[in-house]
Amino acid sequence: MQGFKEINIREIKKSVQEMISDDWMLITAGDEKGWNTMTASWGGLGEIWGKDAAFAFIRPQRYTLGFVEKSGKFTLSFFGGDYKDEMKICGSKSGRDIDKAAETGLKPLFTDSTTGIEQAKVIMVCRTMAVQQIDPEGFIDPSVMKWYPEKDFHKVFIGEIEKVYVKE
């Protein structure tokens, strides 16, 4: 990928908590024929089933959900705290209604049979290994329900991190 180099995920020194919760990320999927991206501040990185993995949470009404489900791949794009205004748009407006690239200036980067975002500092390419609908019956702490006033429980995507690219 022009402008990026591939690294091992263990070379990333920034904390996962900061990357996801503080800086946010974009979850993106699709290809040249159609794609969408959405902002996320919930998720995780770690290991499961002997593989480096990403955990992405997507609500059922999100336009990006269909792209992730259909393609079997998605990317997580990290900006190091930059592009917050653009990310606010990607998190509050639907790709059904607007062209997010035109509205924000963020450019799709088609790679590895999916789509990342060109301005990102780090792009993780993930292959979906499992999908699970969150079941509120499993909530031990009832205060968690405050995050679901519409009962729009997330789907959790567990993706193997196949490649990690950093901006050169």
Protein backbone atom coordinates (compact mmCIF):
# COMPACT_ATOMS: atom_id res chain seq x y z
CA MET A 1 0.00 0.00 0.00
CA GLN A 2 1.48 3.29 -1.02
CA GLY A 3 2.33 5.51 1.93
CA PHE A 4 2.06 2.65 4.44
CA LYS A 5 4.31 -0.13 5.65
CA GLU A 6 3.26 -3.41 7.18
CA ILE A 7 4.31 -4.07 10.77
CA ASN A 8 3.76 -6.69 13.45
CA ILE A 9 0.95 -5.68 15.82
CA ARG A 10 3.37 -6.00 18.74
CA GLU A 11 5.27 -3.01 17.40
CA ILE A 12 2.40 -0.69 18.35
CA LYS A 13 3.35 0.99 21.61
CA LYS A 14 0.25 3.12 22.25
CA SER A 15 -2.24 1.64 24.71
CA VAL A 16 -5.33 -0.02 23.31
CA GLN A 17 -7.43 1.94 25.80
CA GLU A 18 -6.16 5.23 24.42
CA MET A 19 -6.42 4.14 20.77
CA ILE A 20 -10.06 3.06 21.05
CA SER A 21 -11.66 4.89 23.96
CA ASP A 22 -9.87 8.23 23.74
CA ASP A 23 -8.82 8.59 20.10
CA TRP A 24 -11.69 6.52 18.59
CA MET A 25 -11.49 4.46 15.43
CA LEU A 26 -13.35 3.93 12.21
CA ILE A 27 -14.77 0.52 11.37
CA THR A 28 -14.90 0.21 7.59
CA ALA A 29 -15.92 -2.52 5.15
CA GLY A 30 -16.76 -2.96 1.50
CA ASP A 31 -14.91 -2.43 -1.76
CA GLU A 32 -14.76 -0.21 -4.83
CA LYS A 33 -18.39 -1.09 -5.66
CA GLY A 34 -19.66 0.07 -2.27
CA TRP A 35 -18.34 0.69 1.22
CA ASN A 36 -19.13 2.49 4.45
CA THR A 37 -17.39 3.57 7.61
CA MET A 38 -18.55 4.33 11.14
CA THR A 39 -16.96 5.74 14.26
CA ALA A 40 -16.49 3.47 17.25
CA SER A 41 -15.15 4.01 20.75
CA TRP A 42 -16.11 0.55 21.99
CA GLY A 43 -14.00 -2.44 21.11
CA GLY A 44 -10.86 -4.26 21.98
CA LEU A 45 -7.70 -5.91 20.80
CA GLY A 46 -6.20 -9.06 22.17
CA GLU A 47 -5.85 -12.75 21.49
CA ILE A 48 -8.40 -15.51 21.06
CA TRP A 49 -8.14 -18.97 19.56
CA GLY A 50 -4.38 -18.51 19.18
CA LYS A 51 -4.78 -15.47 16.91
CA ASP A 52 -4.29 -11.73 17.29
CA ALA A 53 -7.83 -10.40 17.31
CA ALA A 54 -10.00 -7.31 17.24
CA PHE A 55 -13.43 -7.06 18.86
CA ALA A 56 -15.81 -4.65 17.14
CA PHE A 57 -19.33 -3.76 18.29
CA ILE A 58 -21.95 -2.65 15.75
CA ARG A 59 -25.59 -1.74 16.44
CA PRO A 60 -28.25 -3.23 14.12
CA GLN A 61 -29.31 0.10 12.60
CA ARG A 62 -25.81 1.02 11.44
CA TYR A 63 -25.38 1.03 7.66
CA THR A 64 -21.84 -0.33 8.07
CA LEU A 65 -23.23 -3.54 9.59
CA GLY A 66 -24.38 -4.89 6.22
CA PHE A 67 -20.99 -4.24 4.65
CA VAL A 68 -19.15 -6.05 7.47
CA GLU A 69 -21.57 -8.99 7.36
CA LYS A 70 -21.43 -9.32 3.57
CA SER A 71 -17.69 -8.98 3.08
CA GLY A 72 -16.34 -11.12 5.91
CA LYS A 73 -13.59 -8.54 6.37
CA PHE A 74 -13.32 -5.12 7.96
CA THR A 75 -10.67 -2.62 8.90
CA LEU A 76 -10.05 -0.58 11.99
CA SER A 77 -8.51 2.79 11.16
CA PHE A 78 -6.81 4.78 13.92
CA PHE A 79 -5.90 8.46 13.66
CA GLY A 80 -4.03 9.14 16.89
CA GLY A 81 -6.62 11.65 18.07
CA ASP A 82 -6.66 13.60 14.80
CA TYR A 83 -9.76 13.97 12.60
CA LYS A 84 -12.22 14.09 15.52
CA ASP A 85 -14.58 16.43 13.64
CA GLU A 86 -14.65 14.09 10.66
CA MET A 87 -15.12 11.11 12.95
CA LYS A 88 -18.06 12.84 14.66
CA ILE A 89 -19.76 13.05 11.25
CA CYS A 90 -19.02 9.36 10.56
CA GLY A 91 -20.56 8.49 13.91
CA SER A 92 -23.65 10.67 13.71
CA LYS A 93 -24.68 10.58 10.04
CA SER A 94 -25.58 7.52 8.03
CA GLY A 95 -23.92 6.50 4.79
CA ARG A 96 -27.45 5.77 3.59
CA ASP A 97 -28.07 9.52 3.62
CA ILE A 98 -24.70 11.13 2.84
CA ASP A 99 -21.45 10.42 1.02
CA LYS A 100 -19.13 10.30 4.02
CA ALA A 101 -16.01 10.70 1.87
CA ALA A 102 -17.39 13.86 0.25
CA GLU A 103 -18.74 15.22 3.54
CA THR A 104 -15.55 14.63 5.56
CA GLY A 105 -12.69 14.55 3.05
CA LEU A 106 -11.70 11.11 4.37
CA LYS A 107 -10.57 8.95 1.46
CA PRO A 108 -11.23 5.24 1.05
CA LEU A 109 -8.16 3.07 0.62
CA PHE A 110 -9.01 -0.23 -1.07
CA THR A 111 -6.69 -2.96 0.13
CA ASP A 112 -6.67 -6.63 1.06
CA SER A 113 -10.23 -7.20 -0.26
CA THR A 114 -11.67 -4.49 1.99
CA THR A 115 -11.46 -0.75 2.64
CA GLY A 116 -9.46 1.36 5.07
CA ILE A 117 -9.11 5.13 5.38
CA GLU A 118 -6.13 6.80 3.70
CA GLN A 119 -5.56 9.47 6.37
CA ALA A 120 -5.25 6.91 9.18
CA LYS A 121 -1.99 6.48 11.07
CA VAL A 122 -2.71 2.77 11.65
CA ILE A 123 -4.96 0.40 9.70
CA MET A 124 -5.74 -3.11 10.92
CA VAL A 125 -7.16 -5.53 8.37
CA CYS A 126 -9.42 -8.07 10.06
CA ARG A 127 -11.05 -11.28 8.82
CA THR A 128 -14.27 -12.10 10.63
CA MET A 129 -13.95 -15.32 12.64
CA ALA A 130 -17.14 -15.08 14.71
CA VAL A 131 -20.23 -12.95 15.14
CA GLN A 132 -22.43 -12.94 18.22
CA GLN A 133 -25.56 -10.96 18.97
CA ILE A 134 -25.40 -9.49 22.48
CA ASP A 135 -28.10 -11.13 24.55
CA PRO A 136 -29.34 -8.99 27.46
CA GLU A 137 -30.13 -12.22 29.36
CA GLY A 138 -26.38 -12.43 29.88
CA PHE A 139 -26.11 -9.05 31.63
CA ILE A 140 -25.09 -9.58 35.25
CA ASP A 141 -24.92 -5.85 36.00
CA PRO A 142 -28.36 -4.31 35.32
CA SER A 143 -26.83 -0.83 34.90
CA VAL A 144 -25.54 -1.96 31.48
CA MET A 145 -29.10 -1.63 30.17
CA LYS A 146 -28.76 2.17 30.31
CA TRP A 147 -26.72 1.86 27.08
CA TYR A 148 -29.69 0.22 25.33
CA PRO A 149 -32.79 2.38 25.82
CA GLU A 150 -33.93 1.36 22.31
CA LYS A 151 -33.11 -2.34 22.91
CA ASP A 152 -30.75 -2.11 19.91
CA PHE A 153 -28.20 -4.61 21.16
CA HIS A 154 -24.87 -4.75 19.36
CA LYS A 155 -23.50 -7.55 17.27
CA VAL A 156 -19.95 -8.38 18.31
CA PHE A 157 -17.52 -9.18 15.51
CA ILE A 158 -14.37 -11.08 16.40
CA GLY A 159 -11.84 -10.61 13.66
CA GLU A 160 -8.41 -12.10 13.16
CA ILE A 161 -5.98 -9.24 12.62
CA GLU A 162 -4.39 -10.34 9.36
CA LYS A 163 -2.27 -7.25 8.70
CA VAL A 164 -1.32 -4.01 10.40
CA TYR A 165 -0.24 -1.02 8.33
CA VAL A 166 1.29 2.21 9.65
CA LYS A 167 1.66 5.50 7.83
CA GLU A 168 5.24 6.03 6.63
